[in-house]
């Protein structure tokens, strides 16, 4: 199943809502699961981004749906990357 890495920066609304962060993460996990995906991990980070979330989804369209649903509260700005596993990358490279 394809992997996606979402880089997040909290908005001022997101920072104000940090006491409920655990519930937001659990809600995100539920949204991802209902779409047929799974949450691999959520990491609070130092630097330009506040959070990195890694999840699996059946396809790009489903991943876009998930991200739009997660953003509906306006708590973060996101940038999502399609990630390839080592095995997937090796298969692509073999074709060169």
Protein backbone atom coordinates (compact mmCIF):
# COMPACT_ATOMS: atom_id res chain seq x y z
CA UNK A 1 0.00 0.00 0.00
CA UNK A 2 1.40 3.45 -0.86
CA UNK A 3 2.99 5.50 1.93
CA UNK A 4 2.55 9.23 2.46
CA UNK A 5 4.57 11.63 4.60
CA UNK A 6 2.73 14.74 5.73
CA UNK A 7 4.74 17.68 7.06
CA UNK A 8 2.64 19.91 9.31
CA UNK A 9 2.98 23.40 10.75
CA UNK A 10 0.50 24.38 13.43
CA UNK A 11 -1.60 27.47 12.83
CA UNK A 12 -2.33 29.82 15.74
CA UNK A 13 -5.63 27.95 16.05
CA UNK A 14 -3.72 24.67 16.19
CA UNK A 15 -1.40 25.94 18.92
CA UNK A 16 -4.39 27.17 20.94
CA UNK A 17 -5.93 23.69 20.63
CA UNK A 18 -2.85 21.75 21.75
CA UNK A 19 -4.49 20.52 24.98
CA UNK A 20 -6.75 18.43 22.71
CA UNK A 21 -3.88 17.21 20.51
CA UNK A 22 -4.22 13.58 21.59
CA UNK A 23 -7.89 13.59 20.56
CA UNK A 24 -6.99 15.19 17.22
CA UNK A 25 -4.42 12.46 16.55
CA UNK A 26 -6.97 9.78 17.43
CA UNK A 27 -9.54 11.45 15.16
CA UNK A 28 -6.97 11.49 12.36
CA UNK A 29 -6.23 7.81 12.89
CA UNK A 30 -9.98 7.09 12.67
CA UNK A 31 -10.32 9.13 9.44
CA UNK A 32 -7.37 7.31 7.87
CA UNK A 33 -8.75 3.91 8.92
CA UNK A 34 -12.24 4.65 7.61
CA UNK A 35 -10.68 5.49 4.23
CA UNK A 36 -8.98 2.10 4.12
CA UNK A 37 -5.54 3.26 5.24
CA UNK A 38 -3.49 3.07 8.41
CA UNK A 39 -1.50 5.49 10.51
CA UNK A 40 2.16 4.44 10.64
CA UNK A 41 3.37 7.14 13.01
CA UNK A 42 3.05 10.70 14.26
CA UNK A 43 6.14 12.62 15.38
CA UNK A 44 6.45 16.06 16.95
CA UNK A 45 9.56 17.59 15.44
CA UNK A 46 11.99 20.46 15.86
CA UNK A 47 12.69 22.85 13.03
CA UNK A 48 10.51 24.14 10.21
CA UNK A 49 7.71 21.63 10.76
CA UNK A 50 5.92 20.90 14.03
CA UNK A 51 4.65 17.42 13.20
CA UNK A 52 5.47 14.66 10.73
CA UNK A 53 2.75 12.10 10.07
CA UNK A 54 3.26 8.94 8.06
CA UNK A 55 0.29 6.99 6.81
CA UNK A 56 -0.68 4.40 4.23
CA UNK A 57 -3.60 4.79 1.83
CA UNK A 58 -4.85 2.66 -1.05
CA UNK A 59 -4.09 5.34 -3.69
CA UNK A 60 -3.34 9.03 -4.26
CA UNK A 61 -7.02 9.97 -4.50
CA UNK A 62 -7.72 8.43 -1.09
CA UNK A 63 -4.65 10.13 0.37
CA UNK A 64 -5.92 13.50 -0.92
CA UNK A 65 -9.33 12.82 0.62
CA UNK A 66 -7.69 11.99 3.96
CA UNK A 67 -5.58 15.17 3.95
CA UNK A 68 -8.58 17.36 3.11
CA UNK A 69 -10.58 15.81 5.94
CA UNK A 70 -7.68 16.29 8.37
CA UNK A 71 -7.30 19.95 7.38
CA UNK A 72 -10.95 20.87 7.82
CA UNK A 73 -10.37 22.18 11.35
CA UNK A 74 -7.72 24.69 10.24
CA UNK A 75 -5.26 23.56 12.90
CA UNK A 76 -2.29 23.07 10.58
CA UNK A 77 -0.80 23.79 7.18
CA UNK A 78 0.38 20.65 5.44
CA UNK A 79 2.65 19.43 2.68
CA UNK A 80 2.24 15.78 1.72
CA UNK A 81 4.82 13.66 -0.08
CA UNK A 82 4.32 10.28 -1.74
CA UNK A 83 7.01 8.04 -0.28
CA UNK A 84 8.41 4.87 -1.83
CA UNK A 85 9.75 2.03 0.28
CA UNK A 86 13.24 0.74 -0.39
CA UNK A 87 11.78 -2.23 -2.26
CA UNK A 88 9.53 0.01 -4.39
CA UNK A 89 12.45 2.31 -5.21
CA UNK A 90 14.67 -0.63 -6.15
CA UNK A 91 11.96 -1.92 -8.52
CA UNK A 92 11.73 1.52 -10.17
CA UNK A 93 15.51 1.76 -10.49
CA UNK A 94 15.71 -1.74 -12.03
CA UNK A 95 13.63 -0.44 -14.93
CA UNK A 96 16.18 2.25 -15.81
